[in-house]
Amino acid sequence: MREWQSLAHVKWECKYHVVIVPKYRKKVLYGRLRGEVGKIIRQLCRQKEVELIEGHAMPDH
């Protein structure tokens, strides 16, 4: 079930696509640190009460 926000004349559902690009696009994040970064992002989403639908660590982003 979708949770629509609404006012008197409009309904909406907010979704964001966030891409994090490390400075100089170092490939460090795609090896050992990949799992740790994922844990941190999931923890931040829980703190802010945000639903994380999907996440990927891609070297070409």
PDB file of N, CA and C in Angstrom:
ATOM      1  N   MET A   1       0.834  -1.186   0.000  1.00  0.00           N
ATOM      2  CA  MET A   1       0.000   0.000   0.000  1.00  0.00           C
ATOM      3  C   MET A   1       0.875   1.245   0.000  1.00  0.00           C
ATOM      4  N   ARG A   2       0.568   2.186  -0.863  1.00  0.00           N
ATOM      5  CA  ARG A   2       1.323   3.427  -0.944  1.00  0.00           C
ATOM      6  C   ARG A   2       0.841   4.418   0.097  1.00  0.00           C
ATOM      7  N   GLU A   3       1.766   5.178   0.610  1.00  0.00           N
ATOM      8  CA  GLU A   3       1.413   6.215   1.569  1.00  0.00           C
ATOM      9  C   GLU A   3       1.502   7.554   0.862  1.00  0.00           C
ATOM     10  N   TRP A   4       0.386   8.027   0.366  1.00  0.00           N
ATOM     11  CA  TRP A   4       0.330   9.289  -0.347  1.00  0.00           C
ATOM     12  C   TRP A   4       0.209  10.431   0.643  1.00  0.00           C
ATOM     13  N   GLN A   5       0.923  11.509   0.381  1.00  0.00           N
ATOM     14  CA  GLN A   5       0.754  12.749   1.132  1.00  0.00           C
ATOM     15  C   GLN A   5      -0.323  13.539   0.409  1.00  0.00           C
ATOM     16  N   SER A   6      -1.062  14.372   1.121  1.00  0.00           N
ATOM     17  CA  SER A   6      -2.105  15.120   0.429  1.00  0.00           C
ATOM     18  C   SER A   6      -2.389  16.449   1.100  1.00  0.00           C
ATOM     19  N   LEU A   7      -2.877  17.345   0.283  1.00  0.00           N
ATOM     20  CA  LEU A   7      -3.448  18.617   0.716  1.00  0.00           C
ATOM     21  C   LEU A   7      -4.835  18.689   0.093  1.00  0.00           C
ATOM     22  N   ALA A   8      -5.492  19.816   0.189  1.00  0.00           N
ATOM     23  CA  ALA A   8      -6.855  19.933  -0.318  1.00  0.00           C
ATOM     24  C   ALA A   8      -6.955  19.676  -1.821  1.00  0.00           C
ATOM     25  N   HIS A   9      -5.945  20.045  -2.597  1.00  0.00           N
ATOM     26  CA  HIS A   9      -6.055  19.979  -4.046  1.00  0.00           C
ATOM     27  C   HIS A   9      -5.000  19.096  -4.728  1.00  0.00           C
ATOM     28  N   VAL A  10      -4.197  18.392  -3.976  1.00  0.00           N
ATOM     29  CA  VAL A  10      -3.123  17.627  -4.600  1.00  0.00           C
ATOM     30  C   VAL A  10      -2.747  16.421  -3.740  1.00  0.00           C
ATOM     31  N   LYS A  11      -2.273  15.351  -4.379  1.00  0.00           N
ATOM     32  CA  LYS A  11      -1.718  14.183  -3.689  1.00  0.00           C
ATOM     33  C   LYS A  11      -0.349  13.913  -4.288  1.00  0.00           C
ATOM     34  N   TRP A  12       0.594  13.432  -3.471  1.00  0.00           N
ATOM     35  CA  TRP A  12       1.916  13.136  -3.980  1.00  0.00           C
ATOM     36  C   TRP A  12       2.574  12.030  -3.170  1.00  0.00           C
ATOM     37  N   GLU A  13       3.578  11.434  -3.761  1.00  0.00           N
ATOM     38  CA  GLU A  13       4.413  10.428  -3.102  1.00  0.00           C
ATOM     39  C   GLU A  13       5.853  10.787  -3.429  1.00  0.00           C
ATOM     40  N   CYS A  14       6.646  11.102  -2.428  1.00  0.00           N
ATOM     41  CA  CYS A  14       8.023  11.531  -2.649  1.00  0.00           C
ATOM     42  C   CYS A  14       8.966  10.337  -2.700  1.00  0.00           C
ATOM     43  N   LYS A  15       9.802  10.315  -3.730  1.00  0.00           N
ATOM     44  CA  LYS A  15      10.880   9.333  -3.850  1.00  0.00           C
ATOM     45  C   LYS A  15      12.107  10.066  -4.355  1.00  0.00           C
ATOM     46  N   TYR A  16      13.267   9.647  -3.914  1.00  0.00           N
ATOM     47  CA  TYR A  16      14.512  10.279  -4.318  1.00  0.00           C
ATOM     48  C   TYR A  16      15.465   9.220  -4.836  1.00  0.00           C
ATOM     49  N   HIS A  17      16.255   9.579  -5.814  1.00  0.00           N
ATOM     50  CA  HIS A  17      17.337   8.737  -6.315  1.00  0.00           C
ATOM     51  C   HIS A  17      18.621   9.454  -5.937  1.00  0.00           C
ATOM     52  N   VAL A  18      19.378   8.867  -5.028  1.00  0.00           N
ATOM     53  CA  VAL A  18      20.586   9.496  -4.518  1.00  0.00           C
ATOM     54  C   VAL A  18      21.796   8.725  -5.026  1.00  0.00           C
ATOM     55  N   VAL A  19      22.741   9.441  -5.615  1.00  0.00           N
ATOM     56  CA  VAL A  19      23.981   8.843  -6.102  1.00  0.00           C
ATOM     57  C   VAL A  19      25.116   9.503  -5.344  1.00  0.00           C
ATOM     58  N   ILE A  20      25.926   8.693  -4.667  1.00  0.00           N
ATOM     59  CA  ILE A  20      27.075   9.202  -3.923  1.00  0.00           C
ATOM     60  C   ILE A  20      28.321   8.907  -4.742  1.00  0.00           C
ATOM     61  N   VAL A  21      29.041   9.966  -5.115  1.00  0.00           N
ATOM     62  CA  VAL A  21      30.249   9.809  -5.916  1.00  0.00           C
ATOM     63  C   VAL A  21      31.435  10.259  -5.073  1.00  0.00           C
ATOM     64  N   PRO A  22      32.342   9.341  -4.732  1.00  0.00           N
ATOM     65  CA  PRO A  22      33.504   9.739  -3.947  1.00  0.00           C
ATOM     66  C   PRO A  22      34.442  10.629  -4.757  1.00  0.00           C
ATOM     67  N   LYS A  23      35.153  11.511  -4.072  1.00  0.00           N
ATOM     68  CA  LYS A  23      36.090  12.405  -4.739  1.00  0.00           C
ATOM     69  C   LYS A  23      37.125  11.585  -5.511  1.00  0.00           C
ATOM     70  N   TYR A  24      37.394  11.967  -6.703  1.00  0.00           N
ATOM     71  CA  TYR A  24      38.336  11.310  -7.619  1.00  0.00           C
ATOM     72  C   TYR A  24      37.904   9.898  -7.990  1.00  0.00           C
ATOM     73  N   ARG A  25      36.673   9.515  -7.615  1.00  0.00           N
ATOM     74  CA  ARG A  25      36.110   8.200  -7.956  1.00  0.00           C
ATOM     75  C   ARG A  25      37.062   7.043  -7.628  1.00  0.00           C
ATOM     76  N   LYS A  26      37.623   7.092  -6.459  1.00  0.00           N
ATOM     77  CA  LYS A  26      38.528   6.033  -6.007  1.00  0.00           C
ATOM     78  C   LYS A  26      37.771   4.715  -5.918  1.00  0.00           C
ATOM     79  N   LYS A  27      38.405   3.636  -6.259  1.00  0.00           N
ATOM     80  CA  LYS A  27      37.755   2.326  -6.264  1.00  0.00           C
ATOM     81  C   LYS A  27      37.786   1.655  -4.889  1.00  0.00           C
ATOM     82  N   VAL A  28      38.230   2.373  -3.869  1.00  0.00           N
ATOM     83  CA  VAL A  28      38.317   1.817  -2.516  1.00  0.00           C
ATOM     84  C   VAL A  28      36.949   1.386  -2.003  1.00  0.00           C
ATOM     85  N   LEU A  29      35.903   2.154  -2.321  1.00  0.00           N
ATOM     86  CA  LEU A  29      34.561   1.858  -1.808  1.00  0.00           C
ATOM     87  C   LEU A  29      33.968   0.592  -2.394  1.00  0.00           C
ATOM     88  N   TYR A  30      34.534   0.050  -3.439  1.00  0.00           N
ATOM     89  CA  TYR A  30      33.936  -1.104  -4.099  1.00  0.00           C
ATOM     90  C   TYR A  30      34.567  -2.407  -3.666  1.00  0.00           C
ATOM     91  N   GLY A  31      35.500  -2.350  -2.747  1.00  0.00           N
ATOM     92  CA  GLY A  31      36.133  -3.556  -2.246  1.00  0.00           C
ATOM     93  C   GLY A  31      35.671  -3.855  -0.835  1.00  0.00           C
ATOM     94  N   ARG A  32      36.598  -3.794   0.073  1.00  0.00           N
ATOM     95  CA  ARG A  32      36.356  -4.162   1.459  1.00  0.00           C
ATOM     96  C   ARG A  32      35.388  -3.215   2.173  1.00  0.00           C
ATOM     97  N   LEU A  33      35.441  -1.938   1.843  1.00  0.00           N
ATOM     98  CA  LEU A  33      34.607  -0.957   2.542  1.00  0.00           C
ATOM     99  C   LEU A  33      33.149  -0.961   2.083  1.00  0.00           C
ATOM    100  N   ARG A  34      32.853  -1.646   1.003  1.00  0.00           N
ATOM    101  CA  ARG A  34      31.510  -1.634   0.436  1.00  0.00           C
ATOM    102  C   ARG A  34      30.443  -2.052   1.465  1.00  0.00           C
ATOM    103  N   GLY A  35      30.685  -3.129   2.176  1.00  0.00           N
ATOM    104  CA  GLY A  35      29.730  -3.600   3.189  1.00  0.00           C
ATOM    105  C   GLY A  35      29.572  -2.629   4.336  1.00  0.00           C
ATOM    106  N   GLU A  36      30.680  -2.025   4.754  1.00  0.00           N
ATOM    107  CA  GLU A  36      30.619  -1.078   5.867  1.00  0.00           C
ATOM    108  C   GLU A  36      29.847   0.178   5.493  1.00  0.00           C
ATOM    109  N   VAL A  37      30.052   0.664   4.281  1.00  0.00           N
ATOM    110  CA  VAL A  37      29.316   1.845   3.819  1.00  0.00           C
ATOM    111  C   VAL A  37      27.825   1.533   3.756  1.00  0.00           C
ATOM    112  N   GLY A  38      27.480   0.349   3.285  1.00  0.00           N
ATOM    113  CA  GLY A  38      26.071  -0.059   3.241  1.00  0.00           C
ATOM    114  C   GLY A  38      25.440  -0.074   4.611  1.00  0.00           C
ATOM    115  N   LYS A  39      26.162  -0.587   5.611  1.00  0.00           N
ATOM    116  CA  LYS A  39      25.646  -0.615   6.985  1.00  0.00           C
ATOM    117  C   LYS A  39      25.403   0.799   7.507  1.00  0.00           C
ATOM    118  N   ILE A  40      26.336   1.697   7.219  1.00  0.00           N
ATOM    119  CA  ILE A  40      26.210   3.087   7.685  1.00  0.00           C
ATOM    120  C   ILE A  40      24.997   3.748   7.052  1.00  0.00           C
ATOM    121  N   ILE A  41      24.811   3.548   5.744  1.00  0.00           N
ATOM    122  CA  ILE A  41      23.675   4.154   5.060  1.00  0.00           C
ATOM    123  C   ILE A  41      22.357   3.594   5.587  1.00  0.00           C
ATOM    124  N   ARG A  42      22.292   2.277   5.818  1.00  0.00           N
ATOM    125  CA  ARG A  42      21.068   1.689   6.376  1.00  0.00           C
ATOM    126  C   ARG A  42      20.774   2.235   7.777  1.00  0.00           C
ATOM    127  N   GLN A  43      21.818   2.409   8.580  1.00  0.00           N
ATOM    128  CA  GLN A  43      21.646   2.950   9.925  1.00  0.00           C
ATOM    129  C   GLN A  43      21.122   4.390   9.866  1.00  0.00           C
ATOM    130  N   LEU A  44      21.670   5.197   8.969  1.00  0.00           N
ATOM    131  CA  LEU A  44      21.188   6.575   8.820  1.00  0.00           C
ATOM    132  C   LEU A  44      19.730   6.616   8.380  1.00  0.00           C
ATOM    133  N   CYS A  45      19.354   5.709   7.490  1.00  0.00           N
ATOM    134  CA  CYS A  45      17.957   5.652   7.047  1.00  0.00           C
ATOM    135  C   CYS A  45      17.027   5.298   8.201  1.00  0.00           C
ATOM    136  N   ARG A  46      17.438   4.366   9.056  1.00  0.00           N
ATOM    137  CA  ARG A  46      16.615   4.011  10.221  1.00  0.00           C
ATOM    138  C   ARG A  46      16.473   5.200  11.165  1.00  0.00           C
ATOM    139  N   GLN A  47      17.577   5.933  11.384  1.00  0.00           N
ATOM    140  CA  GLN A  47      17.526   7.088  12.287  1.00  0.00           C
ATOM    141  C   GLN A  47      16.585   8.166  11.769  1.00  0.00           C
ATOM    142  N   LYS A  48      16.568   8.367  10.464  1.00  0.00           N
ATOM    143  CA  LYS A  48      15.730   9.405   9.857  1.00  0.00           C
ATOM    144  C   LYS A  48      14.349   8.887   9.475  1.00  0.00           C
ATOM    145  N   GLU A  49      14.078   7.615   9.780  1.00  0.00           N
ATOM    146  CA  GLU A  49      12.799   6.974   9.463  1.00  0.00           C
ATOM    147  C   GLU A  49      12.493   7.068   7.974  1.00  0.00           C
ATOM    148  N   VAL A  50      13.503   6.718   7.168  1.00  0.00           N
ATOM    149  CA  VAL A  50      13.397   6.731   5.710  1.00  0.00           C
ATOM    150  C   VAL A  50      13.459   5.294   5.231  1.00  0.00           C
ATOM    151  N   GLU A  51      12.620   4.946   4.271  1.00  0.00           N
ATOM    152  CA  GLU A  51      12.621   3.601   3.713  1.00  0.00           C
ATOM    153  C   GLU A  51      13.652   3.527   2.594  1.00  0.00           C
ATOM    154  N   LEU A  52      14.593   2.625   2.729  1.00  0.00           N
ATOM    155  CA  LEU A  52      15.592   2.377   1.691  1.00  0.00           C
ATOM    156  C   LEU A  52      15.063   1.237   0.833  1.00  0.00           C
ATOM    157  N   ILE A  53      14.734   1.534  -0.406  1.00  0.00           N
ATOM    158  CA  ILE A  53      14.123   0.533  -1.284  1.00  0.00           C
ATOM    159  C   ILE A  53      15.190  -0.336  -1.938  1.00  0.00           C
ATOM    160  N   GLU A  54      16.264   0.273  -2.398  1.00  0.00           N
ATOM    161  CA  GLU A  54      17.272  -0.462  -3.137  1.00  0.00           C
ATOM    162  C   GLU A  54      18.611   0.241  -3.010  1.00  0.00           C
ATOM    163  N   GLY A  55      19.691  -0.496  -2.999  1.00  0.00           N
ATOM    164  CA  GLY A  55      21.019   0.101  -2.937  1.00  0.00           C
ATOM    165  C   GLY A  55      22.036  -0.721  -3.689  1.00  0.00           C
ATOM    166  N   HIS A  56      22.919  -0.034  -4.392  1.00  0.00           N
ATOM    167  CA  HIS A  56      23.975  -0.705  -5.151  1.00  0.00           C
ATOM    168  C   HIS A  56      25.269   0.080  -5.011  1.00  0.00           C
ATOM    169  N   ALA A  57      26.388  -0.606  -5.035  1.00  0.00           N
ATOM    170  CA  ALA A  57      27.707   0.030  -5.112  1.00  0.00           C
ATOM    171  C   ALA A  57      28.279  -0.345  -6.480  1.00  0.00           C
ATOM    172  N   MET A  58      28.265   0.621  -7.379  1.00  0.00           N
ATOM    173  CA  MET A  58      28.680   0.362  -8.747  1.00  0.00           C
ATOM    174  C   MET A  58      29.952   1.150  -9.068  1.00  0.00           C
ATOM    175  N   PRO A  59      30.962   0.524  -9.637  1.00  0.00           N
ATOM    176  CA  PRO A  59      32.202   1.249  -9.951  1.00  0.00           C
ATOM    177  C   PRO A  59      32.031   2.264 -11.070  1.00  0.00           C
ATOM    178  N   ASP A  60      30.991   2.176 -11.882  1.00  0.00           N
ATOM    179  CA  ASP A  60      30.816   3.119 -12.975  1.00  0.00           C
ATOM    180  C   ASP A  60      29.938   4.304 -12.616  1.00  0.00           C
ATOM    181  N   HIS A  61      29.475   4.411 -11.373  1.00  0.00           N
ATOM    182  CA  HIS A  61      28.688   5.576 -10.989  1.00  0.00           C
ATOM    183  C   HIS A  61      29.659   6.694 -10.812  1.00  0.00           C
TER     184      HIS A  61
END
